Amino acid sequence: MARQERAIRTRLAILTAAASVFDEYGYDRATIGEILARAGLTKGALYFHFPSKAALAEGVLNQQFSLVSVDPSASKLQELVDTGLTVAYRMRRDPLVSAVARLSLDQDVRAQFGTAAITQWIDTSGYLLTEAKKQGELLPHIVPSETAWQFSAAWTGVQVYSQILSQREDLEARVVSLFKHLLPSIAVPAVLGSLEITTGRAMELGARSDVRVQEALAGELVAMAS
């Protein structure tokens, strides 16, 4: 059991170190040596879990949304807002989430792994918007798939600008502003007035996500030990 737990923690340490290096340098300039230095591990330990830099990048990309979850809401537009706010919170604090954003915009990475990270974000938004339309939360002319594409593109632009101009210090506030600008053009007024779109909610959701991440790690350790 101790050996299995150590292996899980080692793998997570490698992914976290790789994510921080990819996020700082990009895929092409990231080196195995720097990743090893940050993880505090030997080459043997790293290559046991990940045989190459490409495998490391793939491992980081596969973390998208695995570390971000929100409670289901009766309002699917609120759930969309909560997802965006939670991603913003974690992107500032979790290198695994931040690195996915950096890698998904890297041409070298897209050439190897395609656009799955981007399309998953569009698909997630599209699902929530489709459900929102079924519930009568959207204006009649709204096409969920088109809105999902536009929302994803706008969200990406916001996080890139925030990274460049403030090292993402204002990311939650900028995402709140994005929702407040976009939602009036798609939501029925009664639903729009009921939505909670604040930086305070982002902090509350983020605190919940911190607990979930710790619980998920503990659950993984228990599952491996059983």
Protein backbone atom coordinates (compact mmCIF):
# COMPACT_ATOMS: atom_id res chain seq x y z
CA MET A 1 0.00 0.00 0.00
CA ALA A 2 2.80 2.42 0.88
CA ARG A 3 4.50 1.69 -2.44
CA GLN A 4 1.29 2.35 -4.41
CA GLU A 5 0.66 5.58 -2.53
CA ARG A 6 4.23 6.69 -3.18
CA ALA A 7 3.82 5.95 -6.90
CA ILE A 8 0.65 8.04 -7.13
CA ARG A 9 2.24 10.93 -5.30
CA THR A 10 5.36 10.69 -7.46
CA ARG A 11 3.28 10.77 -10.64
CA LEU A 12 1.37 13.81 -9.39
CA ALA A 13 4.62 15.55 -8.40
CA ILE A 14 6.01 14.93 -11.89
CA LEU A 15 2.87 16.25 -13.59
CA THR A 16 2.79 19.33 -11.35
CA ALA A 17 6.47 20.06 -12.00
CA ALA A 18 6.05 19.51 -15.74
CA ALA A 19 2.99 21.74 -15.78
CA SER A 20 4.85 24.58 -14.08
CA VAL A 21 7.72 24.31 -16.58
CA PHE A 22 5.41 24.08 -19.61
CA ASP A 23 3.42 27.05 -18.31
CA GLU A 24 6.55 29.14 -17.82
CA TYR A 25 8.55 28.21 -20.92
CA GLY A 26 6.13 26.63 -23.38
CA TYR A 27 6.49 23.13 -24.77
CA ASP A 28 9.45 23.67 -27.08
CA ARG A 29 11.71 25.40 -24.51
CA ALA A 30 10.77 23.14 -21.60
CA THR A 31 13.48 20.66 -20.66
CA ILE A 32 13.42 17.35 -18.84
CA GLY A 33 16.26 18.64 -16.67
CA GLU A 34 14.22 21.57 -15.40
CA ILE A 35 11.23 19.32 -14.76
CA LEU A 36 13.40 16.91 -12.77
CA ALA A 37 14.88 19.78 -10.76
CA ARG A 38 11.44 21.08 -9.81
CA ALA A 39 10.08 17.64 -9.01
CA GLY A 40 13.19 16.70 -7.02
CA LEU A 41 13.32 13.29 -8.69
CA THR A 42 15.70 11.15 -10.73
CA LYS A 43 15.42 10.41 -14.44
CA GLY A 44 14.56 6.84 -13.60
CA ALA A 45 11.57 7.88 -11.50
CA LEU A 46 10.31 10.19 -14.23
CA TYR A 47 10.74 7.77 -17.11
CA PHE A 48 9.00 5.03 -15.14
CA HIS A 49 5.82 7.10 -15.37
CA PHE A 50 6.40 9.15 -18.53
CA PRO A 51 8.78 7.93 -21.25
CA SER A 52 9.15 11.29 -23.02
CA LYS A 53 8.44 15.02 -22.91
CA ALA A 54 5.54 14.40 -25.28
CA ALA A 55 4.05 11.90 -22.81
CA LEU A 56 4.39 14.51 -20.07
CA ALA A 57 2.56 17.10 -22.15
CA GLU A 58 -0.18 14.60 -22.93
CA GLY A 59 -0.48 13.78 -19.24
CA VAL A 60 -0.88 17.47 -18.38
CA LEU A 61 -3.45 18.01 -21.15
CA ASN A 62 -5.47 15.06 -19.89
CA GLN A 63 -5.95 16.91 -16.61
CA GLN A 64 -8.31 19.43 -18.22
CA PHE A 65 -11.55 19.56 -16.18
CA SER A 66 -10.43 16.62 -14.02
CA LEU A 67 -9.42 19.21 -11.41
CA VAL A 68 -12.39 21.48 -12.07
CA SER A 69 -15.90 20.47 -11.09
CA VAL A 70 -18.93 22.38 -9.84
CA ASP A 71 -22.17 21.39 -8.18
CA PRO A 72 -25.10 20.84 -10.57
CA SER A 73 -27.48 23.79 -10.61
CA ALA A 74 -31.16 24.06 -11.47
CA SER A 75 -30.07 26.89 -13.77
CA LYS A 76 -27.68 25.64 -16.43
CA LEU A 77 -26.59 29.21 -17.13
CA GLN A 78 -25.55 29.49 -13.48
CA GLU A 79 -23.67 26.22 -13.93
CA LEU A 80 -21.91 27.70 -16.97
CA VAL A 81 -20.98 30.77 -14.94
CA ASP A 82 -19.79 28.62 -12.04
CA THR A 83 -17.62 26.53 -14.36
CA GLY A 84 -15.99 29.63 -15.85
CA LEU A 85 -15.37 31.19 -12.44
CA THR A 86 -13.93 27.96 -11.04
CA VAL A 87 -11.55 27.54 -13.98
CA ALA A 88 -10.42 31.16 -13.51
CA TYR A 89 -9.78 30.56 -9.80
CA ARG A 90 -7.84 27.34 -10.38
CA MET A 91 -5.90 28.74 -13.32
CA ARG A 92 -4.30 31.28 -10.98
CA ARG A 93 -3.45 28.70 -8.34
CA ASP A 94 -2.97 25.30 -9.96
CA PRO A 95 -0.13 24.84 -12.48
CA LEU A 96 -1.88 21.84 -13.99
CA VAL A 97 -4.88 23.95 -14.98
CA SER A 98 -2.75 26.89 -16.05
CA ALA A 99 -0.47 24.74 -18.21
CA VAL A 100 -3.40 23.27 -20.12
CA ALA A 101 -4.28 26.79 -21.27
CA ARG A 102 -0.69 27.46 -22.33
CA LEU A 103 -0.25 24.12 -24.10
CA SER A 104 -3.58 24.29 -25.92
CA LEU A 105 -2.38 27.48 -27.65
CA ASP A 106 1.06 26.04 -28.52
CA GLN A 107 1.41 25.20 -32.22
CA ASP A 108 3.93 22.41 -31.55
CA VAL A 109 1.58 20.76 -29.07
CA ARG A 110 -1.44 21.05 -31.37
CA ALA A 111 0.59 19.47 -34.16
CA GLN A 112 1.18 16.40 -31.96
CA PHE A 113 -2.03 16.14 -29.97
CA GLY A 114 -4.60 18.03 -32.03
CA THR A 115 -7.17 20.46 -30.64
CA ALA A 116 -8.83 18.24 -28.03
CA ALA A 117 -8.20 20.67 -25.16
CA ILE A 118 -9.93 23.49 -27.04
CA THR A 119 -12.81 21.41 -28.38
CA GLN A 120 -13.48 19.94 -24.94
CA TRP A 121 -13.98 23.47 -23.56
CA ILE A 122 -16.33 24.29 -26.45
CA ASP A 123 -18.23 21.01 -26.00
CA THR A 124 -18.63 21.52 -22.26
CA SER A 125 -20.03 25.02 -22.81
CA GLY A 126 -22.22 23.73 -25.63
CA TYR A 127 -23.74 21.03 -23.45
CA LEU A 128 -24.64 23.48 -20.69
CA LEU A 129 -26.07 25.99 -23.17
CA THR A 130 -28.12 23.27 -24.88
CA GLU A 131 -29.57 22.24 -21.54
CA ALA A 132 -30.23 25.89 -20.71
CA LYS A 133 -32.19 26.32 -23.94
CA LYS A 134 -34.28 23.22 -23.20
CA GLN A 135 -35.19 24.83 -19.87
CA GLY A 136 -36.17 28.11 -21.47
CA GLU A 137 -33.24 30.08 -20.11
CA LEU A 138 -32.04 31.36 -23.49
CA LEU A 139 -33.59 33.81 -25.91
CA PRO A 140 -35.40 32.07 -28.81
CA HIS A 141 -32.88 32.98 -31.52
CA ILE A 142 -29.82 31.61 -29.67
CA VAL A 143 -28.02 28.61 -31.22
CA PRO A 144 -26.14 26.91 -28.34
CA SER A 145 -23.29 25.52 -30.48
CA GLU A 146 -22.55 28.94 -31.98
CA THR A 147 -22.73 30.65 -28.60
CA ALA A 148 -20.43 28.02 -27.09
CA TRP A 149 -17.81 28.70 -29.77
CA GLN A 150 -17.99 32.46 -29.22
CA PHE A 151 -17.93 32.12 -25.45
CA SER A 152 -14.92 29.80 -25.51
CA ALA A 153 -13.02 32.13 -27.84
CA ALA A 154 -13.85 35.17 -25.70
CA TRP A 155 -12.89 33.35 -22.49
CA THR A 156 -9.56 32.36 -24.01
CA GLY A 157 -8.91 35.94 -25.06
CA VAL A 158 -9.69 37.20 -21.58
CA GLN A 159 -7.27 34.80 -19.90
CA VAL A 160 -4.51 35.54 -22.44
CA TYR A 161 -4.88 39.30 -21.99
CA SER A 162 -5.00 38.90 -18.22
CA GLN A 163 -1.82 36.80 -18.32
CA ILE A 164 0.02 39.33 -20.47
CA LEU A 165 -1.12 42.47 -18.68
CA SER A 166 -1.35 41.41 -15.03
CA GLN A 167 0.01 37.85 -14.66
CA ARG A 168 -3.65 36.84 -14.19
CA GLU A 169 -3.97 38.84 -10.97
CA ASP A 170 -7.31 40.18 -12.22
CA LEU A 171 -8.52 37.03 -13.95
CA GLU A 172 -11.58 36.34 -11.78
CA ALA A 173 -12.71 39.97 -12.12
CA ARG A 174 -12.19 39.88 -15.89
CA VAL A 175 -14.18 36.66 -16.24
CA VAL A 176 -16.99 38.19 -14.17
CA SER A 177 -16.96 41.16 -16.53
CA LEU A 178 -17.02 38.83 -19.55
CA PHE A 179 -20.14 37.08 -18.31
CA LYS A 180 -21.84 40.38 -17.50
CA HIS A 181 -21.19 41.58 -21.04
CA LEU A 182 -22.18 38.38 -22.85
CA LEU A 183 -25.09 36.96 -20.90
CA PRO A 184 -27.58 39.83 -21.52
CA SER A 185 -27.41 38.99 -25.23
CA ILE A 186 -28.41 35.34 -24.74
CA ALA A 187 -30.40 34.97 -21.49
CA VAL A 188 -34.06 35.69 -20.90
CA PRO A 189 -34.40 38.65 -18.50
CA ALA A 190 -35.96 36.68 -15.65
CA VAL A 191 -33.09 34.20 -15.63
CA LEU A 192 -30.44 36.87 -16.10
CA GLY A 193 -31.63 38.67 -12.97
CA SER A 194 -31.29 35.51 -10.89
CA LEU A 195 -27.69 34.70 -11.81
CA GLU A 196 -24.90 35.27 -9.30
CA ILE A 197 -21.86 36.58 -11.16
CA THR A 198 -19.37 38.03 -8.68
CA THR A 199 -15.75 37.67 -7.66
CA GLY A 200 -17.04 36.64 -4.24
CA ARG A 201 -18.76 33.66 -5.82
CA ALA A 202 -15.52 32.82 -7.63
CA MET A 203 -13.69 32.69 -4.29
CA GLU A 204 -16.44 30.56 -2.74
CA LEU A 205 -16.44 28.13 -5.66
CA GLY A 206 -12.65 28.05 -5.63
CA ALA A 207 -12.56 27.09 -1.96
CA ARG A 208 -14.93 24.21 -2.73
CA SER A 209 -12.73 23.11 -5.61
CA ASP A 210 -9.69 23.07 -3.31
CA VAL A 211 -11.51 20.59 -1.08
CA ARG A 212 -12.59 18.49 -4.07
CA VAL A 213 -9.03 18.23 -5.37
CA GLN A 214 -7.80 16.96 -2.02
CA GLU A 215 -10.70 14.51 -1.78
CA ALA A 216 -10.04 13.27 -5.31
CA LEU A 217 -6.38 12.60 -4.47
CA ALA A 218 -7.37 10.79 -1.28
CA GLY A 219 -9.94 8.75 -3.19
CA GLU A 220 -7.37 7.77 -5.81
CA LEU A 221 -5.00 6.62 -3.10
CA VAL A 222 -7.70 4.53 -1.46
CA ALA A 223 -8.74 2.98 -4.79
CA MET A 224 -5.18 2.03 -5.62
CA ALA A 225 -4.67 0.50 -2.19
CA SER A 226 -7.84 -1.64 -2.26
